[in-house]
């Protein structure tokens, strides 16, 4: 049974005005409620409703009263969605589960009422590391792509994607990403270990994206967008391919962009970079400063693995792109906790890694956020090069048991309550241990996320134009406050 928390102390500040068709109006807070949902370490709270609050009069807060300030009159980027990737590994693991557990996975991820309401999907164009082996959709040497066939994916991946779309209510934006061209198109004659696309195959490779998108749509899976290349500056032991910034720019403007347009796929959202925050500004500026390339680019995608390679979490780099290229979207396209180790599956730090990244990325202008594999097995795979990783949900394929990491709930504090089409609004905090972001949903509800990274309980006030409600943030917790 959920417990109602004893609430006192701190403040979150909201200036509560909304645009109407002809003027700005102040929303009357009389009768408004604040529903508080909490996930906290050392408790049973997992997205549990822990309080229903009312506003009361409260004037100027003192500096001794911790506060999070939110102003809905200042709006920023429009929210696209939050989701994850259905890889071969996810699909193969899903297929090994009993039917009731499969339905649990679908409901928990995609149901808007009974799950965390994922509203975005990514999948791989032929094989990646999270496949059971390397494969492509064409025979070797077939530059004209006459043998193109996605039959490989029809066994596991496409059925899972279709069930996910159905569980999400019949539609969900899906974007597709390649890890490597076929080996014979590359100068190292391998899909692995980096290498580069040979110039004589630039057009064939551009045609390959079109073939894949049209094959998916023929199978009944709509495609919303695509990225140019997963991690184009990483030479990996798995499928990988190197594009410098100039090479990616020129491939977009001379081949991929024009080919999408000529093939009737002008509406597909093209994402450049699709790699870490560390080099994001250099890549974005090189591509977006060239109008001939920029006209094809919907957004810049990024990952978080610079933290694992010693660069740290460089959140400001995302803001630099947002400030410099305000008409280009930013989307987080991949992140996971690497080096899977089952005894560490319940470590609380994993959820906090997600919460901290999501709050900072959204506050720096990101419109969508995509986790990596939505489901992996008891080894953190399958993965054909042993690159085993964590996912928010793991399955023991022998017993059928599902393991929910706390990262699942941390993601859910955003994905369940922030709706596609929401606008980010100003949200700031007066305490370093508290992180916050906030959105104005299309229906007028305010959604405020507050994360406590510290070891101490912090009382605070949700403050709106002279009225406040007292809340308590538990140690190592995340809360979503819905004002309705």
Protein backbone atom coordinates (compact mmCIF):
# COMPACT_ATOMS: atom_id res chain seq x y z
CA UNK A 1 0.00 0.00 0.00
CA UNK A 2 1.32 3.45 -0.87
CA UNK A 3 1.95 5.77 2.05
CA UNK A 4 1.21 9.49 2.09
CA UNK A 5 4.41 11.38 2.81
CA UNK A 6 4.58 14.03 5.52
CA UNK A 7 5.28 17.20 3.55
CA UNK A 8 6.98 20.38 4.66
CA UNK A 9 9.58 22.95 3.90
CA UNK A 10 11.06 23.51 0.33
CA UNK A 11 9.60 25.29 -2.75
CA UNK A 12 8.97 24.75 -6.47
CA UNK A 13 7.88 28.00 -8.10
CA UNK A 14 5.44 28.18 -11.01
CA UNK A 15 4.12 31.31 -12.72
CA UNK A 16 0.81 29.92 -13.94
CA UNK A 17 -0.32 31.70 -17.12
CA UNK A 18 -1.22 30.10 -20.41
CA UNK A 19 -1.67 31.36 -23.96
CA UNK A 20 -5.17 31.38 -25.43
CA UNK A 21 -6.25 32.08 -28.99
CA UNK A 22 -6.52 35.82 -28.38
CA UNK A 23 -4.69 36.69 -25.16
CA UNK A 24 -2.79 35.50 -22.12
CA UNK A 25 -4.93 34.47 -19.18
CA UNK A 26 -4.09 33.61 -15.60
CA UNK A 27 -5.29 30.17 -14.55
CA UNK A 28 -7.27 30.14 -11.33
CA UNK A 29 -5.57 27.76 -8.90
CA UNK A 30 -8.72 27.29 -6.87
CA UNK A 31 -9.48 23.59 -6.78
CA UNK A 32 -6.24 22.62 -8.51
CA UNK A 33 -4.54 19.50 -7.22
CA UNK A 34 -0.95 18.35 -7.32
CA UNK A 35 -0.56 14.59 -7.73
CA UNK A 36 2.85 13.41 -6.52
CA UNK A 37 4.42 10.20 -7.85
CA UNK A 38 7.61 8.90 -6.24
CA UNK A 39 10.39 6.37 -6.82
CA UNK A 40 12.90 6.19 -3.97
CA UNK A 41 15.83 4.10 -2.82
CA UNK A 42 15.33 1.93 0.30
CA UNK A 43 11.53 2.06 -0.10
CA UNK A 44 8.83 0.19 -2.00
CA UNK A 45 7.93 3.32 -3.95
CA UNK A 46 8.10 2.72 -7.70
CA UNK A 47 6.21 5.47 -9.51
CA UNK A 48 3.83 5.29 -6.55
CA UNK A 49 1.32 8.04 -5.87
CA UNK A 50 2.51 9.31 -2.52
CA UNK A 51 0.49 12.49 -2.08
CA UNK A 52 -2.36 14.61 -3.36
CA UNK A 53 -1.70 18.24 -2.47
CA UNK A 54 -3.56 21.54 -2.45
CA UNK A 55 -2.23 25.06 -2.81
CA UNK A 56 -2.32 27.65 -0.05
CA UNK A 57 -1.15 31.25 0.16
CA UNK A 58 2.60 31.68 0.48
CA UNK A 59 4.60 34.81 -0.25
CA UNK A 60 8.26 35.45 -0.94
CA UNK A 61 10.40 32.42 0.01
CA UNK A 62 13.51 32.97 2.14
CA UNK A 63 16.91 31.63 1.09
CA UNK A 64 16.69 29.06 3.87
CA UNK A 65 13.69 27.50 2.12
CA UNK A 66 14.87 25.31 -0.77
CA UNK A 67 12.93 25.95 -3.96
CA UNK A 68 12.43 24.76 -7.53
CA UNK A 69 11.13 27.62 -9.67
CA UNK A 70 8.96 26.89 -12.73
CA UNK A 71 7.53 29.48 -15.09
CA UNK A 72 5.00 28.20 -17.68
CA UNK A 73 4.91 31.58 -19.44
CA UNK A 74 8.37 30.88 -20.87
CA UNK A 75 8.16 28.00 -23.34
CA UNK A 76 10.91 26.30 -25.31
CA UNK A 77 11.20 23.19 -27.49
CA UNK A 78 8.24 20.96 -28.34
CA UNK A 79 8.48 17.48 -26.88
CA UNK A 80 8.59 14.60 -29.38
CA UNK A 81 8.68 11.54 -27.13
CA UNK A 82 10.67 9.07 -25.05
CA UNK A 83 11.36 5.46 -25.94
CA UNK A 84 13.93 2.80 -26.66
CA UNK A 85 15.40 0.54 -29.32
CA UNK A 86 14.00 -2.75 -30.53
CA UNK A 87 17.17 -4.49 -31.67
CA UNK A 88 17.66 -8.07 -32.80
CA UNK A 89 18.75 -8.87 -29.24
CA UNK A 90 15.59 -7.38 -27.76
CA UNK A 91 13.41 -9.20 -30.26
CA UNK A 92 15.14 -12.58 -29.83
CA UNK A 93 14.87 -12.30 -26.05
CA UNK A 94 11.21 -11.31 -26.33
CA UNK A 95 10.48 -14.34 -28.53
CA UNK A 96 11.85 -16.70 -25.86
CA UNK A 97 9.42 -15.46 -23.20
CA UNK A 98 6.07 -17.09 -22.36
CA UNK A 99 3.09 -15.32 -23.87
CA UNK A 100 2.01 -13.79 -20.56
CA UNK A 101 5.46 -12.30 -20.02
CA UNK A 102 5.49 -10.96 -23.57
CA UNK A 103 2.22 -9.18 -22.83
CA UNK A 104 3.72 -7.82 -19.62
CA UNK A 105 6.67 -6.36 -21.53
CA UNK A 106 4.36 -4.75 -24.09
CA UNK A 107 2.02 -3.34 -21.45
CA UNK A 108 4.74 -2.08 -19.14
CA UNK A 109 6.58 -0.23 -21.89
CA UNK A 110 3.86 0.98 -24.23
CA UNK A 111 0.50 1.16 -22.44
CA UNK A 112 -0.24 4.80 -21.64
CA UNK A 113 -2.40 4.02 -18.62
CA UNK A 114 -0.95 0.83 -17.14
CA UNK A 115 2.66 1.21 -18.31
CA UNK A 116 5.20 3.98 -18.81
CA UNK A 117 3.82 5.02 -22.20
CA UNK A 118 6.80 4.89 -24.55
CA UNK A 119 6.19 7.18 -27.53
CA UNK A 120 9.36 6.71 -29.63
CA UNK A 121 11.21 3.73 -31.17
CA UNK A 122 14.53 3.08 -32.86
CA UNK A 123 15.73 0.00 -34.73
CA UNK A 124 18.88 -1.09 -36.58
CA UNK A 125 19.32 -1.36 -40.37
CA UNK A 126 20.64 -4.94 -40.72
CA UNK A 127 23.06 -6.13 -38.03
CA UNK A 128 24.63 -4.30 -35.10
CA UNK A 129 26.51 -5.57 -32.06
CA UNK A 130 23.18 -6.50 -30.46
CA UNK A 131 22.51 -9.12 -33.12
CA UNK A 132 23.37 -12.81 -32.94
CA UNK A 133 25.65 -12.40 -35.96
CA UNK A 134 26.56 -10.06 -38.82
CA UNK A 135 24.18 -9.97 -41.79
CA UNK A 136 22.92 -7.67 -44.55
CA UNK A 137 19.90 -7.59 -46.86
CA UNK A 138 21.75 -8.12 -50.16
CA UNK A 139 24.12 -10.60 -51.76
CA UNK A 140 27.81 -9.68 -51.96
CA UNK A 141 28.63 -7.37 -54.82
CA UNK A 142 25.03 -6.48 -55.63
CA UNK A 143 25.51 -2.72 -56.12
CA UNK A 144 22.12 -2.45 -57.82
CA UNK A 145 20.44 -4.02 -54.75
CA UNK A 146 18.44 -6.44 -56.88
CA UNK A 147 18.64 -9.11 -54.14
CA UNK A 148 17.48 -6.75 -51.36
CA UNK A 149 15.32 -8.69 -48.90
CA UNK A 150 14.51 -8.12 -45.21
CA UNK A 151 13.34 -11.71 -44.64
CA UNK A 152 15.91 -12.05 -41.82
CA UNK A 153 13.96 -9.54 -39.72
CA UNK A 154 10.60 -11.17 -40.26
CA UNK A 155 11.32 -13.93 -37.74
CA UNK A 156 11.80 -11.81 -34.61
CA UNK A 157 12.27 -8.08 -35.02
CA UNK A 158 9.38 -7.04 -37.26
CA UNK A 159 6.74 -8.98 -35.29
CA UNK A 160 7.97 -7.37 -32.04
CA UNK A 161 7.89 -3.88 -33.57
CA UNK A 162 4.36 -4.45 -34.84
CA UNK A 163 3.19 -5.60 -31.41
CA UNK A 164 4.85 -2.57 -29.81
CA UNK A 165 3.06 -0.23 -32.21
CA UNK A 166 -0.26 -1.88 -31.42
CA UNK A 167 0.40 -1.69 -27.66
CA UNK A 168 1.19 2.03 -28.03
CA UNK A 169 -2.26 2.63 -29.49
CA UNK A 170 -1.59 2.01 -33.17
CA UNK A 171 1.09 4.54 -33.93
CA UNK A 172 4.53 5.49 -32.65
CA UNK A 173 7.40 7.32 -34.39
CA UNK A 174 10.08 4.82 -35.46
CA UNK A 175 13.49 5.78 -36.77
CA UNK A 176 16.13 3.50 -38.27
CA UNK A 177 19.93 3.57 -38.02
CA UNK A 178 22.76 1.72 -39.81
CA UNK A 179 25.88 0.49 -38.00
CA UNK A 180 27.84 -0.40 -41.15
CA UNK A 181 27.39 -0.78 -44.90
CA UNK A 182 27.95 -4.31 -46.27
CA UNK A 183 31.61 -5.37 -46.08
CA UNK A 184 32.14 -5.25 -49.85
CA UNK A 185 31.15 -1.56 -49.90
CA UNK A 186 33.95 -0.65 -47.45
CA UNK A 187 37.67 -0.08 -47.80
CA UNK A 188 38.52 -2.58 -45.03
CA UNK A 189 36.26 -5.30 -46.52
CA UNK A 190 34.65 -5.87 -43.15
CA UNK A 191 31.48 -4.71 -41.41
CA UNK A 192 33.53 -4.57 -38.20
CA UNK A 193 36.47 -2.44 -37.04
CA UNK A 194 35.47 0.85 -38.63
CA UNK A 195 36.63 1.33 -42.19
CA UNK A 196 35.06 3.72 -44.68
CA UNK A 197 32.44 3.59 -47.39
CA UNK A 198 34.11 3.41 -50.81
CA UNK A 199 33.21 6.38 -53.06
CA UNK A 200 31.96 4.11 -55.84
CA UNK A 201 29.24 2.85 -53.51
CA UNK A 202 27.98 6.20 -52.16
CA UNK A 203 24.86 6.04 -54.34
CA UNK A 204 24.24 2.33 -53.73
CA UNK A 205 24.41 2.93 -49.98
CA UNK A 206 22.00 5.88 -50.22
CA UNK A 207 19.64 3.64 -52.19
CA UNK A 208 19.94 1.01 -49.44
CA UNK A 209 18.24 3.32 -46.87
CA UNK A 210 15.38 3.89 -49.28
CA UNK A 211 15.01 0.17 -49.95
CA UNK A 212 14.88 -0.55 -46.23
CA UNK A 213 12.37 2.16 -45.39
CA UNK A 214 10.07 1.12 -48.22
CA UNK A 215 10.38 -2.55 -47.27
CA UNK A 216 9.39 -1.78 -43.68
CA UNK A 217 6.43 0.30 -44.80
CA UNK A 218 5.33 -2.40 -47.22
CA UNK A 219 5.33 -4.80 -44.28
CA UNK A 220 3.01 -2.48 -42.37
CA UNK A 221 5.55 -0.60 -40.22
CA UNK A 222 5.58 3.19 -40.79
CA UNK A 223 8.99 4.86 -40.59
CA UNK A 224 9.23 8.35 -39.13
CA UNK A 225 12.93 9.00 -39.68
CA UNK A 226 16.49 7.75 -40.01
CA UNK A 227 20.00 8.58 -38.91
CA UNK A 228 22.94 8.72 -41.29
CA UNK A 229 25.36 6.52 -39.35
CA UNK A 230 25.54 5.17 -35.81
CA UNK A 231 28.69 6.45 -34.05
CA UNK A 232 30.56 7.65 -37.14
CA UNK A 233 33.78 8.43 -35.23
CA UNK A 234 34.18 5.09 -33.44
CA UNK A 235 36.24 2.16 -34.70
CA UNK A 236 34.45 -0.65 -32.89
CA UNK A 237 35.01 -4.40 -32.68
CA UNK A 238 31.45 -4.66 -33.95
CA UNK A 239 29.66 -3.14 -36.98
CA UNK A 240 31.00 0.38 -37.48
CA UNK A 241 31.95 2.84 -40.22
CA UNK A 242 33.88 6.10 -40.08
CA UNK A 243 32.58 9.38 -41.50
CA UNK A 244 34.41 12.62 -40.76
CA UNK A 245 32.21 15.68 -40.36
CA UNK A 246 33.01 16.75 -43.91
CA UNK A 247 32.35 13.27 -45.27
CA UNK A 248 28.99 13.03 -43.54
CA UNK A 249 28.08 16.53 -44.74
CA UNK A 250 28.92 15.69 -48.33
CA UNK A 251 27.19 12.30 -48.22
CA UNK A 252 24.03 14.01 -46.98
CA UNK A 253 23.99 16.82 -49.52
CA UNK A 254 25.19 14.88 -52.56
CA UNK A 255 23.67 11.45 -52.05
CA UNK A 256 21.40 10.61 -49.13
CA UNK A 257 19.35 13.83 -49.02
CA UNK A 258 18.66 14.02 -52.76
CA UNK A 259 17.96 10.28 -52.91
CA UNK A 260 15.35 10.49 -50.14
CA UNK A 261 13.67 13.40 -51.93
CA UNK A 262 13.69 11.74 -55.36
CA UNK A 263 12.29 8.54 -53.86
CA UNK A 264 9.26 10.21 -52.33
CA UNK A 265 10.68 10.13 -48.79
CA UNK A 266 11.13 13.86 -48.29
CA UNK A 267 8.98 13.70 -45.15
CA UNK A 268 11.35 11.33 -43.31
CA UNK A 269 13.27 13.06 -40.52
CA UNK A 270 17.01 12.85 -41.19
CA UNK A 271 19.27 12.79 -38.11
CA UNK A 272 23.00 13.54 -38.38
CA UNK A 273 25.87 12.69 -36.00
CA UNK A 274 24.21 9.99 -33.81
CA UNK A 275 27.28 9.85 -31.56
CA UNK A 276 28.51 11.31 -28.26
CA UNK A 277 28.10 14.78 -26.77
CA UNK A 278 31.87 15.33 -26.84
CA UNK A 279 32.19 16.17 -30.56
CA UNK A 280 28.58 17.23 -31.14
CA UNK A 281 29.22 20.92 -31.73
CA UNK A 282 32.03 20.36 -34.24
CA UNK A 283 29.87 17.90 -36.18
CA UNK A 284 26.72 20.01 -36.04
CA UNK A 285 28.47 23.20 -37.06
CA UNK A 286 30.23 21.53 -40.01
CA UNK A 287 26.99 20.09 -41.39
CA UNK A 288 24.52 22.83 -40.49
CA UNK A 289 26.75 25.69 -41.67
CA UNK A 290 26.44 24.31 -45.20
CA UNK A 291 22.95 25.23 -46.47
CA UNK A 292 23.10 22.54 -49.17
CA UNK A 293 23.44 19.86 -46.47
CA UNK A 294 21.44 21.55 -43.71
CA UNK A 295 18.26 21.69 -45.79
CA UNK A 296 17.98 17.90 -45.55
CA UNK A 297 18.69 17.62 -41.81
CA UNK A 298 15.85 17.51 -39.28
CA UNK A 299 18.05 17.06 -36.24
CA UNK A 300 21.31 16.22 -34.54
CA UNK A 301 21.37 12.95 -32.58
CA UNK A 302 23.69 12.18 -29.70
CA UNK A 303 24.72 9.47 -27.20
CA UNK A 304 26.14 9.68 -23.67
CA UNK A 305 29.17 7.37 -23.82
CA UNK A 306 31.69 10.19 -23.49
CA UNK A 307 31.25 9.63 -19.76
CA UNK A 308 32.50 6.05 -20.13
CA UNK A 309 35.48 7.10 -22.25
CA UNK A 310 36.72 9.65 -19.73
CA UNK A 311 35.11 12.77 -21.14
CA UNK A 312 32.49 13.17 -18.43
CA UNK A 313 28.90 14.26 -18.95
CA UNK A 314 29.33 17.27 -21.24
CA UNK A 315 25.75 18.55 -21.10
CA UNK A 316 26.73 22.10 -22.06
CA UNK A 317 27.77 20.91 -25.52
CA UNK A 318 24.14 20.09 -26.24
CA UNK A 319 23.13 23.61 -25.26
CA UNK A 320 25.80 25.09 -27.52
CA UNK A 321 24.18 23.41 -30.51
CA UNK A 322 20.70 24.48 -29.39
CA UNK A 323 21.85 28.09 -29.00
CA UNK A 324 23.71 28.20 -32.30
CA UNK A 325 21.20 26.30 -34.46
CA UNK A 326 17.78 26.93 -32.86
CA UNK A 327 15.86 25.68 -35.90
CA UNK A 328 17.47 22.22 -35.76
CA UNK A 329 16.10 19.58 -33.42
CA UNK A 330 18.22 17.74 -30.84
CA UNK A 331 17.47 14.11 -30.05
CA UNK A 332 19.16 11.68 -27.69
CA UNK A 333 19.47 8.55 -29.81
CA UNK A 334 21.23 6.03 -27.56
CA UNK A 335 22.46 5.37 -24.04
CA UNK A 336 22.87 2.39 -21.74
CA UNK A 337 24.96 1.19 -18.83
CA UNK A 338 27.77 -0.92 -20.24
CA UNK A 339 29.63 -3.99 -18.97
CA UNK A 340 26.70 -6.06 -17.71
CA UNK A 341 27.10 -7.70 -14.31
CA UNK A 342 24.01 -9.37 -12.82
CA UNK A 343 24.97 -8.71 -9.16
CA UNK A 344 24.94 -4.96 -9.94
CA UNK A 345 21.49 -4.96 -11.52
CA UNK A 346 19.86 -3.30 -8.50
CA UNK A 347 22.47 -0.59 -7.94
CA UNK A 348 20.56 2.65 -7.45
CA UNK A 349 23.14 4.70 -9.34
CA UNK A 350 21.93 3.37 -12.69
CA UNK A 351 18.54 5.05 -12.37
CA UNK A 352 20.17 8.27 -11.26
CA UNK A 353 22.42 8.19 -14.33
CA UNK A 354 19.27 8.20 -16.45
CA UNK A 355 17.47 10.85 -14.43
CA UNK A 356 20.43 13.23 -14.41
CA UNK A 357 20.99 12.81 -18.15
CA UNK A 358 17.34 13.26 -19.08
CA UNK A 359 16.86 16.37 -16.96
CA UNK A 360 20.00 18.03 -18.32
CA UNK A 361 19.38 17.02 -21.93
CA UNK A 362 15.82 18.34 -21.88
CA UNK A 363 16.86 21.56 -20.17
CA UNK A 364 19.48 22.04 -22.89
CA UNK A 365 16.96 21.79 -25.73
CA UNK A 366 16.48 18.09 -26.50
CA UNK A 367 13.09 17.17 -28.01
CA UNK A 368 13.24 13.38 -27.74
CA UNK A 369 15.13 10.79 -25.71
CA UNK A 370 15.77 7.19 -26.80
CA UNK A 371 17.19 4.51 -24.54
CA UNK A 372 19.16 1.65 -26.10
CA UNK A 373 17.85 -1.99 -25.95
CA UNK A 374 14.44 -2.13 -24.31
CA UNK A 375 14.95 -5.78 -23.31
CA UNK A 376 17.99 -8.04 -22.89
CA UNK A 377 18.57 -11.53 -21.54
CA UNK A 378 20.20 -12.76 -18.34
CA UNK A 379 23.68 -12.21 -19.83
CA UNK A 380 23.04 -8.69 -21.08
CA UNK A 381 22.72 -9.88 -24.68
CA UNK A 382 22.59 -11.64 -27.05
CA UNK A 383 25.57 -9.83 -28.55
CA UNK A 384 27.81 -11.39 -31.17
CA UNK A 385 31.00 -9.67 -29.98
CA UNK A 386 30.48 -10.02 -26.22
CA UNK A 387 29.59 -6.37 -25.66
CA UNK A 388 27.05 -7.22 -22.96
CA UNK A 389 25.15 -4.29 -21.44
CA UNK A 390 22.33 -3.40 -19.07
CA UNK A 391 18.78 -2.62 -20.17
CA UNK A 392 15.92 -1.25 -18.05
CA UNK A 393 14.28 -4.66 -18.35
CA UNK A 394 16.06 -8.03 -18.35
CA UNK A 395 14.58 -11.48 -18.88
CA UNK A 396 15.82 -14.80 -17.61
CA UNK A 397 15.07 -16.78 -20.75
CA UNK A 398 15.27 -20.06 -18.85
CA UNK A 399 12.71 -19.24 -16.14
CA UNK A 400 10.80 -16.45 -17.91
CA UNK A 401 11.33 -14.10 -14.95
CA UNK A 402 11.54 -10.38 -15.67
CA UNK A 403 13.92 -8.07 -13.80
CA UNK A 404 13.05 -4.36 -13.66
CA UNK A 405 16.00 -2.08 -13.07
CA UNK A 406 15.36 1.19 -11.26
CA UNK A 407 16.27 2.91 -14.56
CA UNK A 408 12.92 1.64 -15.89
CA UNK A 409 11.09 3.70 -13.27
CA UNK A 410 13.34 6.73 -13.63
CA UNK A 411 12.59 6.82 -17.36
CA UNK A 412 8.91 6.30 -16.57
CA UNK A 413 8.79 9.45 -14.44
CA UNK A 414 9.22 11.34 -17.73
CA UNK A 415 7.67 9.09 -20.38
CA UNK A 416 4.38 8.41 -18.61
CA UNK A 417 3.50 11.98 -17.72
CA UNK A 418 5.06 14.23 -20.38
CA UNK A 419 2.95 13.94 -23.53
CA UNK A 420 4.05 14.37 -27.16
CA UNK A 421 3.42 17.96 -28.15
CA UNK A 422 4.23 19.32 -24.68
CA UNK A 423 6.37 22.44 -24.41
CA UNK A 424 9.29 22.65 -22.03
CA UNK A 425 9.00 25.51 -19.56
CA UNK A 426 11.43 27.20 -17.20
CA UNK A 427 12.34 25.15 -14.15
CA UNK A 428 15.20 25.93 -11.76
CA UNK A 429 16.25 24.84 -8.31
CA UNK A 430 17.85 26.56 -5.33
CA UNK A 431 19.55 23.39 -4.05
CA UNK A 432 22.37 21.55 -5.80
CA UNK A 433 21.13 18.11 -4.75
CA UNK A 434 17.80 18.77 -6.47
CA UNK A 435 17.58 18.60 -10.26
CA UNK A 436 14.43 19.60 -12.11
CA UNK A 437 12.78 20.02 -15.48
CA UNK A 438 9.18 20.85 -16.34
CA UNK A 439 6.75 20.72 -19.25
CA UNK A 440 3.35 22.11 -20.17
CA UNK A 441 1.24 19.32 -21.67
CA UNK A 442 -1.12 20.00 -24.59
CA UNK A 443 -4.10 19.65 -22.21
CA UNK A 444 -2.72 22.38 -19.93
CA UNK A 445 -1.39 20.12 -17.18
CA UNK A 446 1.96 21.08 -15.69
CA UNK A 447 4.44 18.22 -15.22
CA UNK A 448 7.39 18.90 -12.92
CA UNK A 449 10.15 16.33 -12.39
CA UNK A 450 12.29 16.71 -9.25
CA UNK A 451 15.25 14.41 -8.58
CA UNK A 452 17.14 14.24 -5.28
CA UNK A 453 20.72 13.01 -5.78
CA UNK A 454 21.64 13.38 -2.12
CA UNK A 455 21.54 11.24 1.01
CA UNK A 456 19.21 13.57 2.93
CA UNK A 457 15.49 14.16 2.81
CA UNK A 458 14.74 17.64 1.46
CA UNK A 459 11.44 19.41 2.20
CA UNK A 460 10.42 21.94 -0.45
CA UNK A 461 7.52 24.02 -1.71
CA UNK A 462 5.88 23.93 -5.11
CA UNK A 463 5.37 27.68 -5.48
CA UNK A 464 3.00 29.32 -7.99
CA UNK A 465 2.44 33.07 -8.00
CA UNK A 466 2.08 33.50 -4.26
CA UNK A 467 0.59 30.08 -3.56
CA UNK A 468 2.46 26.95 -2.56
CA UNK A 469 2.16 23.29 -1.64
CA UNK A 470 4.63 21.59 0.66
CA UNK A 471 6.40 18.48 -0.58
CA UNK A 472 9.23 16.25 0.65
CA UNK A 473 11.90 14.76 -1.59
CA UNK A 474 13.24 11.52 -0.15
CA UNK A 475 16.96 10.62 -0.32
CA UNK A 476 18.03 9.27 -3.73
CA UNK A 477 14.59 9.70 -5.24
CA UNK A 478 12.77 11.06 -8.25
CA UNK A 479 9.30 12.58 -8.21
CA UNK A 480 6.83 13.69 -10.85
CA UNK A 481 4.37 16.37 -9.78
CA UNK A 482 1.31 16.75 -11.99
CA UNK A 483 -0.69 19.96 -11.53
CA UNK A 484 -4.24 19.43 -12.75
